[in-house]
Structure formats: structure tokens, C-alpha cells
Amino acid sequence: MEEIKGKRTRTSKTHDLGGGKFALDASIGSVHYQDALGEWQEINNEWHVGVLPFNWQMTEAGYQVRVKEGFNVRQVIEFEVEGETVALQPMSLEWTNDLEMIQSISMPQAVDCVVSNLEVDLLPAVGVPSKQGTIRWNNAYGSGIDFEWKCTPSRLCKVLEISDFGDLPVPAGYIMSGGNPCLRLNLIFAPSKGVDILVDNVVWDKKSKKTTFDAVKFVKGGEVLWGFMPLLYWGSDVGGFDNEGMSGATIERKGNSYYISIRVPYEWLETATFPVYIDTDVDEQVGASTDDGWQAEGFGTLNLNGTTLNLTSGTSEWTRVWIGACFTGSLPPNAAEITACYVSLNIENDGSDDMNGDLYFEDGAGGVTFATGANDILNRTRTTATTPWVADSLGTGWKNSDSMVGAAQEIVTDYTLTSIVLIGKPKTDAAKEGFAYSWDQAGNVSGPKLHMEYTAGGGGVPMGVLSIDYHLGGIR
């Protein structure tokens, strides 16, 4: 099997199998990046020794990152896309409230980073070995409060980790009495002059204070280069519906500096399962979070953020949870004969590894991405054909569903596809949980996959094999 390098795209590889047969493996997440000559090269997120004033750099992806050794230095990290940059500097961690009263917890400490380069495979079906570079400052805000930057093929992820509730000082009385006490993490960001900043899709005047629950986008010539994804926090209780939350991103200008901050409610911290995590992502693929989600049946509102997709069955609508995922990329042509199709999920833990649902595709040429409006998964028209996935104690790691050829053949016969939407409907006979990792848990190595094999034109020479590693854009 020989790769046809001229057929490379940002998200796919094509191999010549001989005898007029070809194999295509594609990922919504990036597999290749374009070098200075416009040639597609394999992504490698490994940290290398940097060029001063930076100590470390990652340059083999669609974005570049440069980092300084110490945590309490000015502009500790610089992120670059297409020649435009944003420098980032973690600032104060503090208690605050509705009256904007402040009780300082800590400023960044004088600690040095620990660098690691985890071995990963971006396309396990054909083998695209890579590294996932991670830089971590232990005790960055004092004992038990660490800070980490992780490079994945498509984004730079930033996470503050708090080991225990006792690692935080008790809020003062004036904080508690000032209304809605919360923990606030502040960062300074300094963008290059060639970009506009969009808040709620309107160019920010860089003067007024703004809060948004949408992405803060950095735009050049009408193109979104990167953005701060919706700001999130979550705990270690992966099974709890109250395990996570979303904070409005507050941006403002103070003097010559621009600040972005995230708030975590004190009442959530009081009951959270520690360690807890606070995330302010820089993402070059703004909007990817709308490609998937899970939805509690009784509540209706879609959850586009979380570290897992939770297919949960139960006898009550208030306990049942649906899942959905929108796959794009190179899809089978109309009237192709589907010879194989299944979904693969990376099971998160052996305490929530019971699958008890029915898998469908959306009945249509291409479902739109998901929105947080009521019942956006439940209300979609499903294929007549379905595949039950009923299995207890699957264990952790990658697990394949039974064949979905029937549902796949139904939509390929009826439509020329622009996307494929998976719908997981929980059964109503028993309470069971199946939790699978999302893309944001560990980049391209963790998110669900859709595998399809087909022969074009309903018969004759096999024209390709499609294996999609689905990029679950915003799930934490």
C-alpha cells in the first residue's frame, strides 16, 4: 500500500492498493499542514528547543507556538497563524463578586515548566505517528494549582487544574455578601495589528467592556484565523449532569493591555468533584464545537461542551440522554454499494461502559451542525434503518458498534451526501450509561470515528475505503 502524496489534503490520505483500488482515510481534525512552499506535510506537535527569547517552540502544524520557560514572565506564550500572532500572559487568580470586589489568591509564581511529548497516531488505520506536545507548570498559582498548555493537531488548549478545594483560600465575608461569589482567572492577550476582534460577530471597538458566551474571533480580511472558544470549567465526576459549566468570556482594555477572564461560581466549586479544570482555549478552528453534542431528553437543551458524549438510557425521560455527531469530509457517492459501516467509540471508564441505545443516521443529504436550541438532536428526521447497540461491561478503549450498513445504504441511495449525522437514541427499558471520550479530551486520538467501505455505482470495481476520525470540536 503506497500513499499518493499528491492527493494529500489537510484532513486525509489516499493510498494506492493496486489493481485499480484505492483507500481513503480522512479526519475532520487536521492530519497535514502546508509548509512555506504550499506542500502538505505530516503534523507533529512536538516541542523543540526555541529561538530566544523563547525556550520552546512547536512549528509543524497549521499553527505555531513559542513558549518561555518561566511562568511569571511577560508574554509567556505566542500563538501564530498565517503570520498573525497573539501573545498570552496568565495573570491574577482571585475571588470576586457582582460588585467587582476582589480578593487576591495568587499571581503567577516563579516556577519552570515541565515538557513532555506524548506519542500519538493521528490516523491509526494507516499509521500517522506524531507527538502531542505538553508544557506544564506545577504549582503555577501556589500549591496544588497547576497550569498546562497542550498542542493538538488543530488547536492549542490551556487548562488551569485545581487539585483540591482546600488549595483555595476561604473567600472573605465581603466577597460572599457581594452577590454571586466566584473564582476568576485573568489573562492578558496582545494580538498583532493585522487582525480585528469580533465579539458576538461584531467588530470590537477595543474600548468597551464586553461579555459573550460565543467564541471571541480574530479575523483578517474576512477570514477567521483563530479564536477563544467558549470558556469552560468542569470537574472529575464525568457522570454528573452538573459536572461542568460555561462562563461568559469577559474582555476589556486596561491601559495598553487587553484582558480576557473566566468566572467559576463558588457554589459550583463547593460541590464539585476535585480536581477541577478551568479552560480558556485558543482554537484555529472556531465553530467546531457545533459538530456534536449530547442532549438530556427531559430538558431538551443541547450541551455542546464536555469531555465525553454520554449515551444514557432509562425509564424516565429526565434520565435519558441522546448523542449526535456531524461527519463531513470525503463521503461515498450517490448510489454506491455500502459494504461495511460501523461507529467506533473510545470508552472513558469501566464504570460507565454499558451501551443501551439505537444508532441512526439523519435522513437527508446533509444535516447542519448542532445548535443549543431545544431538541436539536431529538427533532431530526432519522433513517428507517437502525442498529441496536446493547452491550454491558465493554471495558475501556476503542469499541466498535454492530454494522450500520442498512442506515448508511438508505441515505447513500437516496441522496448525494454533503455530511452524515449520527444520532444515538437511548432505550427506555433500563438505566445504563455509556460514556465515550470526545475529541477535546486528547485531540484527534480520542474522538469517535465512522468507518465506511463502498463500491461506486452499485457494483463493479471497488473505488475506495472511507474511514473518518471525527473531530469533536467543543466537547470538554
Protein backbone atom coordinates (compact mmCIF):
# COMPACT_ATOMS: atom_id res chain seq x y z
CA MET A 1 0.00 0.00 0.00
CA GLU A 2 1.64 3.23 -1.19
CA GLU A 3 0.49 6.73 -0.33
CA ILE A 4 -0.28 9.07 -3.23
CA LYS A 5 1.27 12.23 -1.74
CA GLY A 6 -0.19 14.44 -4.44
CA LYS A 7 -3.65 13.52 -3.12
CA ARG A 8 -2.97 14.75 0.40
CA THR A 9 -5.36 17.27 1.94
CA ARG A 10 -5.39 18.92 5.33
CA THR A 11 -7.57 16.09 6.67
CA SER A 12 -6.89 13.00 4.53
CA LYS A 13 -4.51 10.48 2.99
CA THR A 14 -5.12 8.38 -0.14
CA HIS A 15 -3.37 5.05 -0.76
CA ASP A 16 -3.00 3.01 -3.95
CA LEU A 17 -3.90 -0.59 -3.13
CA GLY A 18 -3.11 -1.83 -6.63
CA GLY A 19 -5.46 -3.34 -9.16
CA GLY A 20 -7.44 -0.10 -9.55
CA LYS A 21 -8.39 0.02 -5.88
CA PHE A 22 -7.79 2.93 -3.54
CA ALA A 23 -8.17 3.62 0.17
CA LEU A 24 -9.09 6.99 1.68
CA ASP A 25 -8.66 7.75 5.38
CA ALA A 26 -9.92 11.14 6.47
CA SER A 27 -10.29 13.11 9.67
CA ILE A 28 -12.29 16.24 10.48
CA GLY A 29 -9.26 17.12 12.61
CA SER A 30 -6.03 18.06 10.84
CA VAL A 31 -3.57 15.41 9.66
CA HIS A 32 -1.38 17.60 7.42
CA TYR A 33 -0.28 21.23 7.30
CA GLN A 34 1.07 23.30 4.43
CA ASP A 35 4.73 24.35 4.58
CA ALA A 36 6.17 27.58 3.18
CA LEU A 37 6.12 26.09 -0.33
CA GLY A 38 2.48 25.06 -0.05
CA GLU A 39 3.32 21.34 0.22
CA TRP A 40 1.29 19.16 2.60
CA GLN A 41 3.43 17.78 5.44
CA GLU A 42 2.51 15.44 8.30
CA ILE A 43 1.66 17.22 11.55
CA ASN A 44 3.97 16.74 14.51
CA ASN A 45 3.09 18.72 17.65
CA GLU A 46 6.43 18.03 19.33
CA TRP A 47 8.15 20.73 21.37
CA HIS A 48 11.67 21.60 20.21
CA VAL A 49 14.26 23.99 21.62
CA GLY A 50 13.14 27.51 20.70
CA VAL A 51 14.77 30.69 19.48
CA LEU A 52 15.35 33.35 22.15
CA PRO A 53 13.55 34.98 23.86
CA PHE A 54 11.52 31.74 23.73
CA ASN A 55 12.81 28.47 25.15
CA TRP A 56 10.46 26.05 23.35
CA GLN A 57 8.61 26.03 20.06
CA MET A 58 6.16 23.89 18.08
CA THR A 59 6.25 24.61 14.33
CA GLU A 60 4.96 21.52 12.48
CA ALA A 61 1.20 22.18 12.35
CA GLY A 62 -1.32 24.63 10.89
CA TYR A 63 -0.35 26.97 13.73
CA GLN A 64 2.90 27.69 15.56
CA VAL A 65 3.54 28.19 19.28
CA ARG A 66 6.51 29.63 21.15
CA VAL A 67 6.86 29.40 24.94
CA LYS A 68 9.17 30.78 27.64
CA GLU A 69 10.47 28.62 30.49
CA GLY A 70 9.20 30.58 33.50
CA PHE A 71 5.54 31.06 34.30
CA ASN A 72 5.74 34.57 35.75
CA VAL A 73 7.45 36.25 32.78
CA ARG A 74 5.91 38.72 30.33
CA GLN A 75 4.06 37.21 27.35
CA VAL A 76 4.96 33.65 28.26
CA ILE A 77 3.42 32.20 25.09
CA GLU A 78 2.96 33.33 21.49
CA PHE A 79 0.47 31.73 19.08
CA GLU A 80 0.75 32.28 15.30
CA VAL A 81 -1.48 31.56 12.29
CA GLU A 82 -0.71 32.83 8.76
CA GLY A 83 1.82 35.35 10.05
CA GLU A 84 -0.55 36.91 12.61
CA THR A 85 0.11 36.42 16.31
CA VAL A 86 -1.43 36.69 19.74
CA ALA A 87 0.75 36.73 22.86
CA LEU A 88 -0.72 35.42 26.11
CA GLN A 89 0.21 36.05 29.71
CA PRO A 90 -1.62 34.41 32.65
CA MET A 91 -2.40 36.98 35.34
CA SER A 92 -4.19 37.04 38.68
CA LEU A 93 -6.31 34.27 40.16
CA GLU A 94 -8.81 35.84 42.54
CA TRP A 95 -12.19 35.76 44.24
CA THR A 96 -14.71 38.33 43.02
CA ASN A 97 -18.48 39.00 43.02
CA ASP A 98 -21.23 41.02 41.36
CA LEU A 99 -19.87 44.22 42.91
CA GLU A 100 -16.46 43.54 41.31
CA MET A 101 -14.84 43.33 44.76
CA ILE A 102 -11.53 41.45 44.62
CA GLN A 103 -9.70 39.14 47.00
CA SER A 104 -6.35 38.08 45.55
CA ILE A 105 -5.47 34.39 45.64
CA SER A 106 -2.20 34.39 43.73
CA MET A 107 -0.26 35.94 40.88
CA PRO A 108 1.76 33.60 38.58
CA GLN A 109 4.60 32.00 40.52
CA ALA A 110 8.29 31.77 39.60
CA VAL A 111 8.21 28.11 38.54
CA ASP A 112 9.71 26.48 35.46
CA CYS A 113 7.85 24.27 33.02
CA VAL A 114 7.93 20.50 32.57
CA VAL A 115 7.93 19.46 28.90
CA SER A 116 6.57 16.18 27.52
CA ASN A 117 5.85 14.84 24.03
CA LEU A 118 3.24 12.08 24.12
CA GLU A 119 3.33 9.52 21.28
CA VAL A 120 0.05 9.58 19.31
CA ASP A 121 -1.23 8.28 15.96
CA LEU A 122 -3.39 10.72 14.01
CA LEU A 123 -4.85 8.05 11.71
CA PRO A 124 -4.49 4.66 13.42
CA ALA A 125 -5.97 2.81 10.42
CA VAL A 126 -2.95 3.63 8.26
CA GLY A 127 -0.43 4.94 10.77
CA VAL A 128 0.42 8.64 11.04
CA PRO A 129 2.78 8.75 14.03
CA SER A 130 3.02 12.10 15.76
CA LYS A 131 3.72 13.75 19.09
CA GLN A 132 1.37 15.72 21.33
CA GLY A 133 3.49 18.37 22.99
CA THR A 134 2.51 19.43 26.50
CA ILE A 135 4.06 22.10 28.72
CA ARG A 136 3.02 22.16 32.38
CA TRP A 137 3.85 24.46 35.26
CA ASN A 138 3.24 22.65 38.55
CA ASN A 139 2.17 24.92 41.42
CA ALA A 140 1.80 27.79 38.97
CA TYR A 141 -0.57 29.61 41.37
CA GLY A 142 0.63 28.01 44.58
CA SER A 143 0.49 24.50 45.99
CA GLY A 144 -1.97 22.26 44.16
CA ILE A 145 -2.87 24.78 41.42
CA ASP A 146 -1.18 23.89 38.12
CA PHE A 147 -1.30 25.34 34.60
CA GLU A 148 -0.87 23.47 31.31
CA TRP A 149 -0.67 24.15 27.58
CA LYS A 150 -1.25 21.22 25.22
CA CYS A 151 -0.75 21.23 21.45
CA THR A 152 -3.14 19.11 19.39
CA PRO A 153 -3.28 18.87 15.56
CA SER A 154 -5.89 21.62 15.28
CA ARG A 155 -5.73 23.71 18.43
CA LEU A 156 -3.82 24.94 21.46
CA CYS A 157 -5.54 24.01 24.73
CA LYS A 158 -4.94 25.86 28.01
CA VAL A 159 -6.08 24.41 31.32
CA LEU A 160 -5.81 25.50 34.97
CA GLU A 161 -6.07 22.48 37.28
CA ILE A 162 -7.00 22.78 40.98
CA SER A 163 -6.27 19.58 42.90
CA ASP A 164 -8.46 20.14 45.96
CA PHE A 165 -11.00 22.65 47.28
CA GLY A 166 -8.67 23.17 50.24
CA ASP A 167 -5.99 24.52 47.90
CA LEU A 168 -8.10 27.68 47.58
CA PRO A 169 -8.29 30.21 50.42
CA VAL A 170 -11.66 30.80 52.08
CA PRO A 171 -13.43 33.78 50.47
CA ALA A 172 -13.67 36.81 52.73
CA GLY A 173 -17.03 37.92 54.10
CA TYR A 174 -17.25 40.90 51.74
CA ILE A 175 -16.81 38.54 48.76
CA MET A 176 -19.58 36.22 49.96
CA SER A 177 -22.01 39.07 50.69
CA GLY A 178 -21.42 40.92 47.40
CA GLY A 179 -23.60 38.65 45.28
CA ASN A 180 -22.66 35.53 43.28
CA PRO A 181 -19.11 34.97 44.58
CA CYS A 182 -16.87 33.31 42.02
CA LEU A 183 -13.31 32.36 41.19
CA ARG A 184 -11.85 34.46 38.37
CA LEU A 185 -8.85 33.69 36.19
CA ASN A 186 -7.45 36.62 34.18
CA LEU A 187 -5.14 36.56 31.16
CA ILE A 188 -3.57 39.36 29.14
CA PHE A 189 -3.67 38.90 25.37
CA ALA A 190 -1.83 41.00 22.82
CA PRO A 191 -2.87 40.45 19.17
CA SER A 192 -0.88 41.65 16.18
CA LYS A 193 -2.20 44.78 14.47
CA GLY A 194 -3.39 42.99 11.33
CA VAL A 195 -6.44 41.35 12.92
CA ASP A 196 -9.87 42.54 14.01
CA ILE A 197 -11.52 41.10 17.13
CA LEU A 198 -15.15 40.02 16.82
CA VAL A 199 -17.44 39.76 19.85
CA ASP A 200 -20.89 38.32 19.07
CA ASN A 201 -19.81 38.61 15.41
CA VAL A 202 -19.41 42.40 15.65
CA VAL A 203 -16.01 44.11 15.47
CA TRP A 204 -14.99 45.13 18.99
CA ASP A 205 -14.12 48.80 19.44
CA LYS A 206 -11.35 47.81 21.90
CA LYS A 207 -12.75 50.32 24.40
CA SER A 208 -15.98 48.96 25.90
CA LYS A 209 -16.12 46.02 28.28
CA LYS A 210 -17.83 43.03 26.67
CA THR A 211 -19.09 39.65 27.88
CA THR A 212 -20.07 36.86 25.49
CA PHE A 213 -20.93 33.17 25.64
CA ASP A 214 -19.86 32.81 21.99
CA ALA A 215 -16.35 32.47 20.58
CA VAL A 216 -14.18 35.61 20.55
CA LYS A 217 -12.91 35.58 16.96
CA PHE A 218 -9.76 37.05 15.45
CA VAL A 219 -10.36 37.96 11.79
CA LYS A 220 -8.18 39.13 8.91
CA GLY A 221 -9.66 40.02 5.52
CA GLY A 222 -12.95 38.36 6.47
CA GLU A 223 -11.24 35.06 7.39
CA VAL A 224 -11.36 33.75 10.96
CA LEU A 225 -7.77 32.86 11.85
CA TRP A 226 -8.37 31.71 15.43
CA GLY A 227 -10.50 32.43 18.45
CA PHE A 228 -11.05 31.98 22.16
CA MET A 229 -13.61 29.18 22.29
CA PRO A 230 -16.48 29.46 24.84
CA LEU A 231 -14.84 29.37 28.26
CA LEU A 232 -15.45 26.21 30.27
CA TYR A 233 -14.95 24.61 33.64
CA TRP A 234 -15.51 21.01 34.67
CA GLY A 235 -14.89 18.53 37.47
CA SER A 236 -13.75 14.92 37.71
CA ASP A 237 -17.23 13.44 38.16
CA VAL A 238 -17.69 12.54 34.50
CA GLY A 239 -21.12 11.04 35.14
CA GLY A 240 -22.76 14.05 36.73
CA PHE A 241 -25.06 16.36 34.77
CA ASP A 242 -23.85 19.24 36.98
CA ASN A 243 -20.24 18.28 36.35
CA GLU A 244 -19.45 21.21 34.07
CA GLY A 245 -20.38 24.74 33.15
CA MET A 246 -19.75 27.56 30.70
CA SER A 247 -18.57 31.01 31.65
CA GLY A 248 -19.09 34.15 29.66
CA ALA A 249 -15.80 35.45 28.28
CA THR A 250 -15.25 38.99 29.55
CA ILE A 251 -12.83 41.09 27.51
CA GLU A 252 -11.76 44.62 28.29
CA ARG A 253 -8.94 47.06 27.83
CA LYS A 254 -6.97 48.37 30.81
CA GLY A 255 -4.30 50.86 29.83
CA ASN A 256 -2.41 49.38 26.89
CA SER A 257 -3.35 45.78 27.73
CA TYR A 258 -6.29 43.60 26.72
CA TYR A 259 -7.72 41.20 29.30
CA ILE A 260 -9.86 38.08 28.98
CA SER A 261 -11.29 36.40 32.08
CA ILE A 262 -13.34 33.37 33.07
CA ARG A 263 -15.53 33.06 36.17
CA VAL A 264 -16.31 29.84 38.06
CA PRO A 265 -19.19 30.05 40.59
CA TYR A 266 -18.26 29.44 44.22
CA GLU A 267 -21.41 27.36 44.74
CA TRP A 268 -20.29 25.02 41.94
CA LEU A 269 -16.81 24.68 43.44
CA GLU A 270 -18.32 23.79 46.84
CA THR A 271 -19.91 20.61 45.46
CA ALA A 272 -17.59 19.78 42.55
CA THR A 273 -15.51 16.61 42.40
CA PHE A 274 -11.86 17.63 42.51
CA PRO A 275 -9.54 18.00 40.73
CA VAL A 276 -11.40 20.61 38.69
CA TYR A 277 -10.30 22.26 35.46
CA ILE A 278 -10.68 25.77 34.05
CA ASP A 279 -10.15 26.14 30.34
CA THR A 280 -9.56 29.14 28.06
CA ASP A 281 -8.90 27.66 24.64
CA VAL A 282 -7.17 29.21 21.68
CA ASP A 283 -8.60 27.41 18.66
CA GLU A 284 -7.74 27.89 14.99
CA GLN A 285 -10.94 26.03 14.00
CA VAL A 286 -13.55 28.29 15.52
CA GLY A 287 -17.06 26.79 15.47
CA ALA A 288 -16.03 23.13 15.59
CA SER A 289 -17.94 22.73 18.84
CA THR A 290 -21.19 22.80 16.85
CA ASP A 291 -20.33 19.49 15.15
CA ASP A 292 -21.53 17.37 18.06
CA GLY A 293 -23.35 17.30 21.36
CA TRP A 294 -25.42 15.42 23.90
CA GLN A 295 -28.95 16.22 24.94
CA ALA A 296 -30.88 15.35 28.09
CA GLU A 297 -34.29 14.27 26.80
CA GLY A 298 -36.39 15.82 29.55
CA PHE A 299 -34.64 19.20 29.38
CA GLY A 300 -34.20 19.47 25.61
CA THR A 301 -31.32 21.97 25.55
CA LEU A 302 -28.23 20.73 23.72
CA ASN A 303 -24.88 20.53 25.54
CA LEU A 304 -22.06 21.34 23.12
CA ASN A 305 -19.33 21.27 25.78
CA GLY A 306 -17.93 18.41 27.84
CA THR A 307 -15.14 15.84 27.94
CA THR A 308 -17.46 12.98 26.99
CA LEU A 309 -20.50 12.05 24.94
CA ASN A 310 -22.97 10.37 27.29
CA LEU A 311 -25.44 7.86 25.83
CA THR A 312 -27.65 7.20 28.87
CA SER A 313 -30.78 5.01 28.86
CA GLY A 314 -33.52 4.96 31.49
CA THR A 315 -37.21 4.52 32.22
CA SER A 316 -37.72 8.25 32.74
CA GLU A 317 -37.25 10.99 30.16
CA TRP A 318 -35.42 13.00 32.82
CA THR A 319 -32.60 10.46 32.94
CA ARG A 320 -32.26 9.63 29.23
CA VAL A 321 -29.51 11.31 27.18
CA TRP A 322 -29.16 11.32 23.38
CA ILE A 323 -25.96 11.94 21.41
CA GLY A 324 -25.32 13.40 17.96
CA ALA A 325 -22.30 13.86 15.71
CA CYS A 326 -21.94 15.54 12.30
CA PHE A 327 -19.35 13.95 9.98
CA THR A 328 -18.03 15.73 6.90
CA GLY A 329 -15.16 15.11 4.52
CA SER A 330 -14.89 12.69 1.58
CA LEU A 331 -18.19 10.78 1.52
CA PRO A 332 -19.48 7.88 -0.62
CA PRO A 333 -21.07 8.91 -3.95
CA ASN A 334 -24.79 8.60 -4.63
CA ALA A 335 -25.89 5.01 -5.41
CA ALA A 336 -22.67 3.46 -4.09
CA GLU A 337 -22.94 -0.01 -2.59
CA ILE A 338 -22.06 0.14 1.12
CA THR A 339 -20.16 -2.99 2.10
CA ALA A 340 -19.17 -2.07 5.65
CA CYS A 341 -20.11 0.61 8.17
CA TYR A 342 -19.71 0.96 11.92
CA VAL A 343 -19.09 3.55 14.62
CA SER A 344 -16.11 3.36 16.98
CA LEU A 345 -16.20 4.95 20.44
CA ASN A 346 -13.33 5.34 22.90
CA ILE A 347 -14.96 4.27 26.20
CA GLU A 348 -13.92 6.56 29.04
CA ASN A 349 -14.22 4.36 32.16
CA ASP A 350 -15.30 0.87 33.17
CA GLY A 351 -17.99 2.24 35.47
CA SER A 352 -19.95 3.75 32.56
CA ASP A 353 -19.31 1.22 29.79
CA ASP A 354 -22.81 -0.19 29.15
CA MET A 355 -24.24 0.68 25.73
CA ASN A 356 -28.05 0.55 25.55
CA GLY A 357 -29.32 2.54 22.58
CA ASP A 358 -30.24 2.60 18.91
CA LEU A 359 -28.00 4.20 16.29
CA TYR A 360 -29.41 6.06 13.27
CA PHE A 361 -28.23 8.49 10.63
CA GLU A 362 -30.17 11.64 9.88
CA ASP A 363 -32.41 11.13 6.86
CA GLY A 364 -31.14 13.79 4.49
CA ALA A 365 -28.40 14.84 2.10
CA GLY A 366 -26.52 16.63 4.85
CA GLY A 367 -27.51 17.69 8.31
CA VAL A 368 -26.48 21.11 9.54
CA THR A 369 -24.25 21.43 12.58
CA PHE A 370 -25.82 21.48 16.02
CA ALA A 371 -27.26 24.42 17.93
CA THR A 372 -28.16 24.87 21.58
CA GLY A 373 -31.86 25.33 20.86
CA ALA A 374 -34.36 22.88 22.28
CA ASN A 375 -34.33 19.29 20.96
CA ASP A 376 -31.90 19.83 18.08
CA ILE A 377 -30.96 16.13 18.18
CA LEU A 378 -34.36 14.68 19.08
CA ASN A 379 -36.24 16.59 16.38
CA ARG A 380 -34.09 15.48 13.45
CA THR A 381 -35.63 13.01 11.00
CA ARG A 382 -33.96 9.62 11.40
CA THR A 383 -33.39 6.82 8.93
CA THR A 384 -35.86 3.94 8.90
CA ALA A 385 -32.99 1.51 9.34
CA THR A 386 -31.36 1.41 12.76
CA THR A 387 -28.71 -0.54 14.62
CA PRO A 388 -29.22 -1.51 18.27
CA TRP A 389 -26.09 -1.26 20.38
CA VAL A 390 -26.78 -3.24 23.51
CA ALA A 391 -23.69 -4.45 25.36
CA ASP A 392 -22.72 -4.48 29.05
CA SER A 393 -19.26 -4.12 30.56
CA LEU A 394 -17.48 -3.23 27.34
CA GLY A 395 -14.41 -2.07 29.23
CA THR A 396 -12.30 0.95 28.32
CA GLY A 397 -10.72 1.82 24.98
CA TRP A 398 -11.96 1.62 21.42
CA LYS A 399 -15.16 -0.38 20.85
CA ASN A 400 -17.00 -0.90 17.54
CA SER A 401 -20.77 -0.90 17.12
CA ASP A 402 -22.57 -3.58 15.16
CA SER A 403 -22.99 -2.99 11.43
CA MET A 404 -24.77 0.21 10.32
CA VAL A 405 -24.79 -0.79 6.64
CA GLY A 406 -28.61 -0.58 6.47
CA ALA A 407 -28.82 3.04 7.63
CA ALA A 408 -25.78 4.03 5.54
CA GLN A 409 -27.20 2.41 2.40
CA GLU A 410 -30.51 4.20 2.94
CA ILE A 411 -29.02 7.69 2.80
CA VAL A 412 -26.42 6.91 0.11
CA THR A 413 -29.16 5.52 -2.15
CA ASP A 414 -31.48 8.49 -1.65
CA TYR A 415 -29.05 11.43 -1.59
CA THR A 416 -25.79 12.93 -2.78
CA LEU A 417 -24.26 13.44 0.64
CA THR A 418 -22.62 16.60 1.94
CA SER A 419 -22.42 15.31 5.52
CA ILE A 420 -23.54 12.39 7.67
CA VAL A 421 -25.17 12.96 11.06
CA LEU A 422 -25.12 10.16 13.62
CA ILE A 423 -28.00 10.06 16.14
CA GLY A 424 -27.78 7.89 19.24
CA LYS A 425 -31.20 7.30 20.83
CA PRO A 426 -31.24 5.80 24.36
CA LYS A 427 -33.51 2.83 25.09
CA THR A 428 -36.26 3.11 27.71
CA ASP A 429 -36.10 -0.31 29.37
CA ALA A 430 -33.24 0.09 31.88
CA ALA A 431 -30.87 2.65 33.38
CA LYS A 432 -27.44 2.27 31.78
CA GLU A 433 -24.57 4.64 30.94
CA GLY A 434 -22.14 4.61 28.04
CA PHE A 435 -19.56 7.39 28.25
CA ALA A 436 -17.09 7.88 25.37
CA TYR A 437 -14.24 10.36 25.05
CA SER A 438 -14.73 13.42 22.88
CA TRP A 439 -12.15 14.98 20.59
CA ASP A 440 -11.14 17.64 23.10
CA GLN A 441 -10.19 15.08 25.72
CA ALA A 442 -6.96 14.30 23.86
CA GLY A 443 -7.10 15.72 20.36
CA ASN A 444 -7.53 13.57 17.25
CA VAL A 445 -6.62 10.39 19.14
CA SER A 446 -9.76 10.34 21.29
CA GLY A 447 -12.91 11.32 19.37
CA PRO A 448 -15.50 8.95 17.86
CA LYS A 449 -14.94 7.56 14.37
CA LEU A 450 -17.11 6.49 11.47
CA HIS A 451 -15.77 3.75 9.18
CA MET A 452 -17.33 3.04 5.76
CA GLU A 453 -16.31 0.86 2.84
CA TYR A 454 -18.05 1.05 -0.52
CA THR A 455 -18.08 0.17 -4.19
CA ALA A 456 -19.08 3.02 -6.50
CA GLY A 457 -22.08 2.75 -8.81
CA GLY A 458 -23.72 -0.17 -7.02
CA GLY A 459 -21.23 -2.76 -8.28
CA GLY A 460 -18.03 -3.37 -10.26
CA VAL A 461 -14.55 -2.21 -9.25
CA PRO A 462 -14.22 -1.17 -5.58
CA MET A 463 -13.42 2.54 -5.66
CA GLY A 464 -12.44 3.35 -2.11
CA VAL A 465 -12.47 2.82 1.60
CA LEU A 466 -13.60 5.71 3.82
CA SER A 467 -12.53 5.93 7.43
CA ILE A 468 -13.43 9.18 9.20
CA ASP A 469 -11.86 10.08 12.53
CA TYR A 470 -14.49 12.52 13.72
CA HIS A 471 -13.29 15.82 15.18
CA LEU A 472 -15.50 16.58 18.18
CA GLY A 473 -14.77 20.23 18.24
CA GLY A 474 -16.01 21.74 21.52
CA ILE A 475 -16.52 18.85 23.89
CA ARG A 476 -14.57 19.07 27.11
